[in-house]
Amino acid sequence: MINDQVRAAPRWRELTWGEGPQVRAHSPADLIATARAEIAQQAVDLFGGPGIAELRACHAPDCGCTSSSGA
Protein backbone atom coordinates (compact mmCIF):
# COMPACT_ATOMS: atom_id res chain seq x y z
CA MET A 1 0.00 0.00 0.00
CA ILE A 2 2.78 2.46 0.85
CA ASN A 3 4.57 1.79 -2.45
CA ASP A 4 1.31 2.27 -4.37
CA GLN A 5 0.88 5.70 -2.77
CA VAL A 6 4.48 6.69 -3.51
CA ARG A 7 4.00 5.80 -7.19
CA ALA A 8 0.57 7.48 -7.44
CA ALA A 9 1.82 11.05 -7.78
CA PRO A 10 5.00 11.79 -9.65
CA ARG A 11 6.69 14.79 -8.12
CA TRP A 12 9.98 16.56 -8.14
CA ARG A 13 11.73 19.33 -6.27
CA GLU A 14 13.38 22.30 -7.91
CA LEU A 15 15.81 24.83 -6.54
CA THR A 16 14.68 28.43 -7.02
CA TRP A 17 16.40 31.69 -6.22
CA GLY A 18 14.59 34.70 -4.83
CA GLU A 19 15.74 36.16 -1.56
CA GLY A 20 17.96 33.11 -1.29
CA PRO A 21 17.74 29.48 -2.27
CA GLN A 22 14.38 27.77 -1.83
CA VAL A 23 13.18 24.29 -2.68
CA ARG A 24 9.78 24.08 -4.37
CA ALA A 25 7.88 20.85 -4.92
CA HIS A 26 5.97 20.27 -8.15
CA SER A 27 3.53 17.59 -9.28
CA PRO A 28 1.05 17.23 -12.12
CA ALA A 29 -1.22 15.24 -9.76
CA ASP A 30 -3.95 16.72 -7.57
CA LEU A 31 -3.07 18.06 -4.13
CA ILE A 32 -4.50 15.11 -2.15
CA ALA A 33 -2.62 12.48 -4.19
CA THR A 34 0.56 14.53 -3.91
CA ALA A 35 0.19 14.83 -0.12
CA ARG A 36 -0.44 11.08 0.25
CA ALA A 37 2.59 10.34 -1.92
CA GLU A 38 4.80 12.64 0.17
CA ILE A 39 3.64 11.05 3.44
CA ALA A 40 4.19 7.58 1.99
CA GLN A 41 7.68 8.59 0.85
CA GLN A 42 8.51 9.74 4.37
CA ALA A 43 7.29 6.38 5.71
CA VAL A 44 9.57 4.58 3.23
CA ASP A 45 12.49 6.76 4.37
CA LEU A 46 11.71 6.10 8.06
CA PHE A 47 11.18 2.35 7.87
CA GLY A 48 13.93 1.78 5.30
CA GLY A 49 16.54 4.07 6.83
CA PRO A 50 18.84 4.13 9.82
CA GLY A 51 16.16 5.82 11.95
CA ILE A 52 14.30 2.51 12.27
CA ALA A 53 16.67 1.56 15.10
CA GLU A 54 15.44 4.59 17.05
CA LEU A 55 11.75 3.70 16.73
CA ARG A 56 10.18 2.34 19.91
CA ALA A 57 6.69 1.25 20.91
CA CYS A 58 4.80 3.60 23.21
CA HIS A 59 3.92 1.77 26.43
CA ALA A 60 1.40 4.30 27.73
CA PRO A 61 -1.98 2.83 28.69
CA ASP A 62 -4.37 2.59 25.72
CA CYS A 63 -1.74 3.92 23.30
CA GLY A 64 -1.23 2.24 19.96
CA CYS A 65 1.42 4.74 18.89
CA THR A 66 5.13 4.50 18.41
CA SER A 67 7.67 7.20 19.08
CA SER A 68 11.30 7.92 18.39
CA SER A 69 13.60 7.49 21.38
CA GLY A 70 15.29 10.74 20.35
CA ALA A 71 12.10 12.81 20.72
C-alpha atoms as a PDB file:
ATOM      1  CA  MET A   1       0.000   0.000   0.000  1.00  0.00           C
ATOM      2  CA  ILE A   2       2.783   2.456   0.850  1.00  0.00           C
ATOM      3  CA  ASN A   3       4.573   1.792  -2.446  1.00  0.00           C
ATOM      4  CA  ASP A   4       1.312   2.272  -4.367  1.00  0.00           C
ATOM      5  CA  GLN A   5       0.881   5.699  -2.769  1.00  0.00           C
ATOM      6  CA  VAL A   6       4.482   6.689  -3.507  1.00  0.00           C
ATOM      7  CA  ARG A   7       4.004   5.804  -7.186  1.00  0.00           C
ATOM      8  CA  ALA A   8       0.569   7.478  -7.438  1.00  0.00           C
ATOM      9  CA  ALA A   9       1.818  11.050  -7.777  1.00  0.00           C
ATOM     10  CA  PRO A  10       5.001  11.788  -9.655  1.00  0.00           C
ATOM     11  CA  ARG A  11       6.693  14.790  -8.118  1.00  0.00           C
ATOM     12  CA  TRP A  12       9.980  16.561  -8.139  1.00  0.00           C
ATOM     13  CA  ARG A  13      11.733  19.329  -6.270  1.00  0.00           C
ATOM     14  CA  GLU A  14      13.382  22.302  -7.912  1.00  0.00           C
ATOM     15  CA  LEU A  15      15.807  24.826  -6.545  1.00  0.00           C
ATOM     16  CA  THR A  16      14.675  28.432  -7.018  1.00  0.00           C
ATOM     17  CA  TRP A  17      16.396  31.687  -6.216  1.00  0.00           C
ATOM     18  CA  GLY A  18      14.586  34.702  -4.829  1.00  0.00           C
ATOM     19  CA  GLU A  19      15.742  36.163  -1.557  1.00  0.00           C
ATOM     20  CA  GLY A  20      17.962  33.115  -1.292  1.00  0.00           C
ATOM     21  CA  PRO A  21      17.741  29.480  -2.266  1.00  0.00           C
ATOM     22  CA  GLN A  22      14.381  27.766  -1.831  1.00  0.00           C
ATOM     23  CA  VAL A  23      13.178  24.288  -2.683  1.00  0.00           C
ATOM     24  CA  ARG A  24       9.776  24.079  -4.373  1.00  0.00           C
ATOM     25  CA  ALA A  25       7.880  20.845  -4.920  1.00  0.00           C
ATOM     26  CA  HIS A  26       5.973  20.273  -8.149  1.00  0.00           C
ATOM     27  CA  SER A  27       3.532  17.592  -9.275  1.00  0.00           C
ATOM     28  CA  PRO A  28       1.052  17.231 -12.119  1.00  0.00           C
ATOM     29  CA  ALA A  29      -1.222  15.242  -9.756  1.00  0.00           C
ATOM     30  CA  ASP A  30      -3.950  16.718  -7.571  1.00  0.00           C
ATOM     31  CA  LEU A  31      -3.071  18.061  -4.127  1.00  0.00           C
ATOM     32  CA  ILE A  32      -4.499  15.107  -2.146  1.00  0.00           C
ATOM     33  CA  ALA A  33      -2.624  12.483  -4.193  1.00  0.00           C
ATOM     34  CA  THR A  34       0.560  14.531  -3.913  1.00  0.00           C
ATOM     35  CA  ALA A  35       0.190  14.833  -0.118  1.00  0.00           C
ATOM     36  CA  ARG A  36      -0.436  11.085   0.248  1.00  0.00           C
ATOM     37  CA  ALA A  37       2.588  10.337  -1.917  1.00  0.00           C
ATOM     38  CA  GLU A  38       4.803  12.637   0.167  1.00  0.00           C
ATOM     39  CA  ILE A  39       3.636  11.048   3.443  1.00  0.00           C
ATOM     40  CA  ALA A  40       4.186   7.576   1.994  1.00  0.00           C
ATOM     41  CA  GLN A  41       7.682   8.587   0.847  1.00  0.00           C
ATOM     42  CA  GLN A  42       8.506   9.743   4.373  1.00  0.00           C
ATOM     43  CA  ALA A  43       7.288   6.376   5.712  1.00  0.00           C
ATOM     44  CA  VAL A  44       9.569   4.581   3.233  1.00  0.00           C
ATOM     45  CA  ASP A  45      12.489   6.763   4.373  1.00  0.00           C
ATOM     46  CA  LEU A  46      11.715   6.101   8.060  1.00  0.00           C
ATOM     47  CA  PHE A  47      11.184   2.350   7.867  1.00  0.00           C
ATOM     48  CA  GLY A  48      13.933   1.784   5.301  1.00  0.00           C
ATOM     49  CA  GLY A  49      16.540   4.068   6.825  1.00  0.00           C
ATOM     50  CA  PRO A  50      18.842   4.127   9.818  1.00  0.00           C
ATOM     51  CA  GLY A  51      16.156   5.824  11.946  1.00  0.00           C
ATOM     52  CA  ILE A  52      14.297   2.510  12.271  1.00  0.00           C
ATOM     53  CA  ALA A  53      16.672   1.556  15.095  1.00  0.00           C
ATOM     54  CA  GLU A  54      15.440   4.594  17.049  1.00  0.00           C
ATOM     55  CA  LEU A  55      11.747   3.704  16.734  1.00  0.00           C
ATOM     56  CA  ARG A  56      10.178   2.341  19.906  1.00  0.00           C
ATOM     57  CA  ALA A  57       6.695   1.255  20.914  1.00  0.00           C
ATOM     58  CA  CYS A  58       4.800   3.600  23.212  1.00  0.00           C
ATOM     59  CA  HIS A  59       3.915   1.766  26.430  1.00  0.00           C
ATOM     60  CA  ALA A  60       1.402   4.301  27.730  1.00  0.00           C
ATOM     61  CA  PRO A  61      -1.984   2.835  28.685  1.00  0.00           C
ATOM     62  CA  ASP A  62      -4.372   2.591  25.717  1.00  0.00           C
ATOM     63  CA  CYS A  63      -1.736   3.917  23.299  1.00  0.00           C
ATOM     64  CA  GLY A  64      -1.227   2.235  19.965  1.00  0.00           C
ATOM     65  CA  CYS A  65       1.418   4.740  18.892  1.00  0.00           C
ATOM     66  CA  THR A  66       5.131   4.502  18.406  1.00  0.00           C
ATOM     67  CA  SER A  67       7.672   7.198  19.082  1.00  0.00           C
ATOM     68  CA  SER A  68      11.300   7.923  18.389  1.00  0.00           C
ATOM     69  CA  SER A  69      13.598   7.488  21.377  1.00  0.00           C
ATOM     70  CA  GLY A  70      15.295  10.743  20.345  1.00  0.00           C
ATOM     71  CA  ALA A  71      12.102  12.810  20.722  1.00  0.00           C
END
